[in-house]
Amino acid sequence: MREQNISRAAEMLHVSQPTVSRQLKDLEDELGLTLFVRGTRSIQLTNSGEYFASQVDQILSLTDKTLQNLHEEQQINGRVVIGSAEARTFLNVAQSISTLQQHYPHIQTSIISTNADEIRTSIKSGYFDFGVIMEPADKTDYDFIHLPGESRWGILMPGDAPLAKKDHLQLRDLAQMKLILSSQQGMTGLLDDWLGKSTAKINVVATYNLLYNAALMVSAGVGYALCLDGIINTNQSDLKFVPFEPRLTSGASIVWRKGQRLSLAANAFLLQLQHDLN
């Protein structure tokens, strides 16, 4: 007891002296120990009382720290950086970001549109917290979550091109085109899977990193872009997307470096995404 006097303790606690005396006696009776040596004008702790008081101080300090940490978690701030391929399935991520902002308005999210190669490099360096990559992809060094939905492959071409009159294309139609391909690693392997190792017959005239730039090249007459549907809005434009038949589709996954400790902001985003997808 810091005050060493029941009257002063009662005054500090804004209760009566008999109330303090009764509570101290009730505590000793409950514990079955003598905690205080009562003098005429002062009160001292016994050895058992000193030990008990020390433990209570530690428990109260831990309680205060726990409550403080819980409060700070409600005030999470910081930045989450996500590198993303251009894909319609990114909508799932965007919806989780929107919900996250409602719970943690001080978290900022940076989205950087890029390809899988840059995503791998930037996650490894720690610049990106997460990356959205198209499947199939090597995820050996990553933890990941598959995102719902798929995007369909096809050709982005001028709306007045002869092939634009078709409802769908077949892979053999590629031989007729000047193609603009994604520069992403693995694109050649994907074509090999589709065409049975006959990509030598394909006339590639340009490559792109972002489809928006590829669309400008298509408009300029450079060639036709092999791409996924839903990225370029062709409504009220001079372009048309024609899908392949049989359907060729790709899904997407969000990845992060295996074993990496995430920031509070990044972890909050991941928990929100997992909750939304379950």
Protein backbone atom coordinates (compact mmCIF):
# COMPACT_ATOMS: atom_id res chain seq x y z
CA MET A 1 0.00 0.00 0.00
CA ARG A 2 1.66 3.19 -1.24
CA GLU A 3 -0.04 5.56 1.22
CA GLN A 4 0.82 3.45 4.31
CA ASN A 5 -2.24 5.01 5.93
CA ILE A 6 -5.85 3.90 5.61
CA SER A 7 -7.26 7.40 6.01
CA ARG A 8 -5.10 8.82 3.21
CA ALA A 9 -5.87 5.80 1.01
CA ALA A 10 -9.59 6.29 1.58
CA GLU A 11 -9.30 9.97 0.69
CA MET A 12 -7.41 9.18 -2.53
CA LEU A 13 -10.02 6.57 -3.53
CA HIS A 14 -12.93 8.84 -2.58
CA VAL A 15 -14.44 6.25 -0.23
CA SER A 16 -14.84 6.08 3.55
CA GLN A 17 -12.13 4.74 5.86
CA PRO A 18 -14.35 1.88 7.17
CA THR A 19 -14.94 0.79 3.55
CA VAL A 20 -11.19 0.50 2.87
CA SER A 21 -10.58 -1.34 6.16
CA ARG A 22 -13.39 -3.81 5.42
CA GLN A 23 -12.17 -4.48 1.86
CA LEU A 24 -8.62 -5.14 3.07
CA LYS A 25 -9.90 -7.55 5.71
CA ASP A 26 -12.12 -9.31 3.17
CA LEU A 27 -9.12 -9.72 0.84
CA GLU A 28 -7.02 -11.30 3.62
CA ASP A 29 -9.87 -13.64 4.55
CA GLU A 30 -10.33 -14.68 0.91
CA LEU A 31 -6.61 -15.40 0.43
CA GLY A 32 -6.11 -16.91 3.88
CA LEU A 33 -3.04 -14.73 4.38
CA THR A 34 -1.97 -11.78 6.47
CA LEU A 35 -1.07 -9.05 4.03
CA PHE A 36 -0.79 -6.08 6.37
CA VAL A 37 0.78 -5.23 9.70
CA ARG A 38 -1.49 -2.59 11.23
CA GLY A 39 0.08 0.05 13.48
CA THR A 40 -1.47 2.90 15.38
CA ARG A 41 -0.95 5.44 12.61
CA SER A 42 0.34 3.42 9.68
CA ILE A 43 -0.06 0.12 7.90
CA GLN A 44 2.78 -1.95 6.41
CA LEU A 45 2.87 -4.84 3.96
CA THR A 46 4.04 -8.24 5.19
CA ASN A 47 6.37 -10.30 2.98
CA SER A 48 3.32 -12.05 1.54
CA GLY A 49 1.67 -8.67 1.06
CA GLU A 50 4.67 -7.27 -0.83
CA TYR A 51 4.74 -10.30 -3.14
CA PHE A 52 1.00 -10.06 -3.75
CA ALA A 53 1.19 -6.31 -4.47
CA SER A 54 4.07 -6.86 -6.92
CA GLN A 55 2.10 -9.49 -8.85
CA VAL A 56 -0.99 -7.31 -8.95
CA ASP A 57 1.07 -4.40 -10.36
CA GLN A 58 2.40 -6.66 -13.13
CA ILE A 59 -1.08 -7.94 -13.98
CA LEU A 60 -2.48 -4.42 -14.12
CA SER A 61 0.42 -3.24 -16.29
CA LEU A 62 -0.13 -6.16 -18.68
CA THR A 63 -3.83 -5.35 -18.81
CA ASP A 64 -3.09 -1.71 -19.65
CA LYS A 65 -0.62 -2.75 -22.37
CA THR A 66 -3.10 -5.21 -23.88
CA LEU A 67 -5.84 -2.60 -24.00
CA GLN A 68 -3.41 -0.11 -25.55
CA ASN A 69 -2.37 -2.59 -28.24
CA LEU A 70 -5.99 -3.37 -29.03
CA HIS A 71 -6.69 0.32 -29.38
CA GLU A 72 -3.65 0.85 -31.63
CA GLU A 73 -4.77 -2.02 -33.87
CA GLN A 74 -7.98 -0.10 -34.47
CA GLN A 75 -5.83 2.81 -35.66
CA ILE A 76 -3.70 0.86 -38.14
CA ASN A 77 -2.18 3.05 -40.80
CA GLY A 78 0.44 2.63 -43.48
CA ARG A 79 0.61 1.67 -47.13
CA VAL A 80 -0.11 -1.60 -48.91
CA VAL A 81 1.56 -1.95 -52.33
CA ILE A 82 0.05 -4.44 -54.77
CA GLY A 83 1.50 -5.15 -58.19
CA SER A 84 -1.12 -6.51 -60.54
CA ALA A 85 -1.48 -8.00 -63.95
CA GLU A 86 -4.32 -6.58 -65.98
CA ALA A 87 -7.20 -8.95 -65.32
CA ARG A 88 -10.92 -8.77 -64.60
CA THR A 89 -10.41 -10.96 -61.51
CA PHE A 90 -8.68 -7.96 -59.88
CA LEU A 91 -12.22 -6.85 -59.01
CA ASN A 92 -12.11 -9.25 -56.03
CA VAL A 93 -9.07 -7.43 -54.69
CA ALA A 94 -10.64 -4.03 -55.33
CA GLN A 95 -13.75 -4.98 -53.36
CA SER A 96 -11.65 -6.06 -50.38
CA ILE A 97 -9.71 -2.79 -50.54
CA SER A 98 -13.02 -0.90 -50.40
CA THR A 99 -14.14 -2.82 -47.30
CA LEU A 100 -10.71 -2.40 -45.69
CA GLN A 101 -11.00 1.39 -46.05
CA GLN A 102 -14.23 1.33 -44.07
CA HIS A 103 -12.53 -0.44 -41.15
CA TYR A 104 -9.11 1.23 -41.41
CA PRO A 105 -9.49 4.62 -43.11
CA HIS A 106 -5.82 5.49 -42.52
CA ILE A 107 -4.50 2.63 -44.66
CA GLN A 108 -3.48 3.71 -48.16
CA THR A 109 -3.33 1.23 -51.05
CA SER A 110 -1.05 1.61 -54.07
CA ILE A 111 -1.86 -0.45 -57.17
CA ILE A 112 0.88 -0.78 -59.78
CA SER A 113 -0.12 -2.38 -63.08
CA THR A 114 2.70 -4.54 -64.36
CA ASN A 115 3.54 -8.08 -65.44
CA ALA A 116 4.45 -11.21 -63.50
CA ASP A 117 8.20 -10.75 -64.01
CA GLU A 118 8.23 -7.33 -62.37
CA ILE A 119 5.89 -8.58 -59.64
CA ARG A 120 8.32 -11.36 -58.70
CA THR A 121 11.27 -8.97 -58.63
CA SER A 122 9.46 -6.33 -56.58
CA ILE A 123 8.03 -8.81 -54.06
CA LYS A 124 11.51 -10.26 -53.58
CA SER A 125 12.96 -6.79 -52.96
CA GLY A 126 10.15 -5.98 -50.52
CA TYR A 127 8.74 -3.12 -52.58
CA PHE A 128 5.49 -4.97 -53.33
CA ASP A 129 3.57 -6.54 -50.46
CA PHE A 130 1.43 -8.61 -52.83
CA GLY A 131 1.12 -9.40 -56.50
CA VAL A 132 -1.76 -10.51 -58.69
CA ILE A 133 -0.48 -12.86 -61.37
CA MET A 134 -2.16 -14.83 -64.12
CA GLU A 135 -2.19 -18.61 -64.15
CA PRO A 136 -0.44 -20.87 -64.87
CA ALA A 137 2.49 -19.49 -62.87
CA ASP A 138 5.35 -20.85 -60.77
CA LYS A 139 4.47 -20.08 -57.13
CA THR A 140 7.22 -22.15 -55.47
CA ASP A 141 8.54 -19.29 -53.34
CA TYR A 142 5.16 -17.77 -52.54
CA ASP A 143 2.12 -18.16 -50.39
CA PHE A 144 -0.94 -17.56 -52.51
CA ILE A 145 -4.72 -17.45 -52.80
CA HIS A 146 -6.56 -18.33 -56.00
CA LEU A 147 -8.93 -15.56 -57.01
CA PRO A 148 -12.42 -16.51 -58.19
CA GLY A 149 -13.31 -16.31 -61.85
CA GLU A 150 -11.48 -16.63 -65.14
CA SER A 151 -10.73 -14.39 -68.12
CA ARG A 152 -11.10 -15.52 -71.71
CA TRP A 153 -8.31 -15.25 -74.29
CA GLY A 154 -8.90 -13.74 -77.69
CA ILE A 155 -7.71 -11.14 -80.17
CA LEU A 156 -8.09 -7.38 -79.98
CA MET A 157 -8.37 -6.06 -83.52
CA PRO A 158 -9.71 -3.10 -85.51
CA GLY A 159 -13.48 -3.17 -85.73
CA ASP A 160 -13.36 -3.02 -89.53
CA ALA A 161 -10.95 -5.98 -89.91
CA PRO A 162 -12.26 -8.95 -91.91
CA LEU A 163 -11.87 -11.28 -88.90
CA ALA A 164 -13.88 -8.84 -86.75
CA LYS A 165 -17.03 -10.10 -88.45
CA LYS A 166 -16.59 -13.46 -86.72
CA ASP A 167 -18.15 -14.34 -83.36
CA HIS A 168 -15.11 -16.39 -82.44
CA LEU A 169 -11.68 -17.36 -83.73
CA GLN A 170 -9.74 -20.58 -83.87
CA LEU A 171 -6.06 -20.94 -83.10
CA ARG A 172 -5.25 -21.58 -86.75
CA ASP A 173 -6.41 -18.02 -87.48
CA LEU A 174 -3.28 -16.74 -85.72
CA ALA A 175 -1.21 -17.67 -88.76
CA GLN A 176 -2.97 -14.92 -90.73
CA MET A 177 -2.12 -12.13 -88.30
CA LYS A 178 0.64 -9.74 -87.40
CA LEU A 179 0.57 -10.40 -83.65
CA ILE A 180 1.31 -8.14 -80.71
CA LEU A 181 2.14 -10.36 -77.72
CA SER A 182 2.61 -9.77 -74.01
CA SER A 183 6.29 -9.61 -73.10
CA GLN A 184 5.58 -11.53 -69.89
CA GLN A 185 7.74 -14.56 -69.24
CA GLY A 186 5.83 -17.74 -69.99
CA MET A 187 3.80 -16.36 -72.90
CA THR A 188 5.76 -18.43 -75.41
CA GLY A 189 5.21 -21.55 -73.32
CA LEU A 190 1.49 -20.84 -73.21
CA LEU A 191 1.38 -20.56 -77.00
CA ASP A 192 3.36 -23.79 -77.29
CA ASP A 193 0.74 -25.53 -75.16
CA TRP A 194 -2.04 -24.19 -77.35
CA LEU A 195 -0.41 -24.73 -80.70
CA GLY A 196 1.60 -27.88 -80.07
CA LYS A 197 5.07 -26.37 -80.46
CA SER A 198 4.20 -24.60 -83.72
CA THR A 199 4.82 -21.03 -82.57
CA ALA A 200 7.46 -20.65 -85.29
CA LYS A 201 4.54 -20.09 -87.66
CA ILE A 202 3.38 -17.08 -85.69
CA ASN A 203 4.34 -13.62 -86.96
CA VAL A 204 5.10 -11.52 -83.87
CA VAL A 205 5.62 -7.87 -84.82
CA ALA A 206 5.60 -6.25 -81.36
CA THR A 207 5.34 -6.95 -77.64
CA TYR A 208 3.64 -5.04 -74.84
CA ASN A 209 3.81 -4.64 -71.10
CA LEU A 210 0.43 -2.95 -70.57
CA LEU A 211 -2.53 -3.70 -72.81
CA TYR A 212 -3.55 -0.05 -73.03
CA ASN A 213 -0.41 0.67 -75.07
CA ALA A 214 -1.02 -2.46 -77.14
CA ALA A 215 -4.54 -1.20 -77.90
CA LEU A 216 -3.06 2.03 -79.25
CA MET A 217 -0.77 -0.02 -81.49
CA VAL A 218 -3.79 -1.97 -82.74
CA SER A 219 -5.58 1.30 -83.53
CA ALA A 220 -2.47 2.53 -85.35
CA GLY A 221 -2.41 -0.58 -87.55
CA VAL A 222 0.71 -2.21 -86.11
CA GLY A 223 -1.00 -5.58 -85.62
CA TYR A 224 -3.55 -7.56 -83.59
CA ALA A 225 -3.09 -8.03 -79.84
CA LEU A 226 -3.40 -11.44 -78.18
CA CYS A 227 -4.93 -10.63 -74.80
CA LEU A 228 -7.54 -11.34 -72.14
CA ASP A 229 -11.11 -10.07 -72.32
CA GLY A 230 -12.48 -7.40 -70.02
CA ILE A 231 -9.37 -5.20 -69.78
CA ILE A 232 -9.96 -2.84 -72.68
CA ASN A 233 -13.44 -1.35 -72.99
CA THR A 234 -14.23 -1.67 -76.69
CA ASN A 235 -17.65 0.01 -76.45
CA GLN A 236 -17.79 3.13 -78.60
CA SER A 237 -14.26 2.51 -79.88
CA ASP A 238 -12.73 1.42 -83.16
CA LEU A 239 -11.64 -1.91 -81.66
CA LYS A 240 -13.27 -5.30 -81.20
CA PHE A 241 -12.35 -8.27 -79.01
CA VAL A 242 -13.01 -11.68 -80.60
CA PRO A 243 -12.62 -14.74 -78.31
CA PHE A 244 -11.23 -18.15 -79.20
CA GLU A 245 -13.39 -21.22 -79.60
CA PRO A 246 -12.88 -23.72 -78.00
CA ARG A 247 -12.59 -21.45 -74.97
CA LEU A 248 -9.11 -20.66 -73.68
CA THR A 249 -9.13 -19.10 -70.21
CA SER A 250 -6.76 -18.12 -67.43
CA GLY A 251 -7.36 -17.57 -63.72
CA ALA A 252 -5.38 -15.40 -61.35
CA SER A 253 -3.80 -15.69 -57.92
CA ILE A 254 -2.64 -13.14 -55.38
CA VAL A 255 0.82 -14.02 -54.06
CA TRP A 256 3.17 -12.84 -51.34
CA ARG A 257 6.63 -13.99 -50.33
CA LYS A 258 6.66 -17.17 -48.30
CA GLY A 259 7.80 -16.63 -44.70
CA GLN A 260 7.83 -12.83 -45.00
CA ARG A 261 6.57 -10.86 -42.00
CA LEU A 262 3.80 -8.58 -43.22
CA SER A 263 3.23 -5.08 -41.91
CA LEU A 264 0.11 -4.45 -39.84
CA ALA A 265 -1.50 -2.74 -42.83
CA ALA A 266 -0.62 -5.57 -45.23
CA ASN A 267 -1.80 -8.19 -42.75
CA ALA A 268 -5.08 -6.33 -42.28
CA PHE A 269 -5.61 -6.38 -46.05
CA LEU A 270 -4.82 -10.11 -46.26
CA LEU A 271 -7.26 -10.94 -43.46
CA GLN A 272 -9.95 -8.88 -45.18
CA LEU A 273 -9.38 -10.62 -48.51
CA GLN A 274 -9.45 -14.07 -46.90
CA HIS A 275 -12.68 -13.18 -45.10
CA ASP A 276 -14.28 -11.89 -48.29
CA LEU A 277 -13.33 -14.97 -50.32
CA ASN A 278 -14.56 -17.51 -47.72
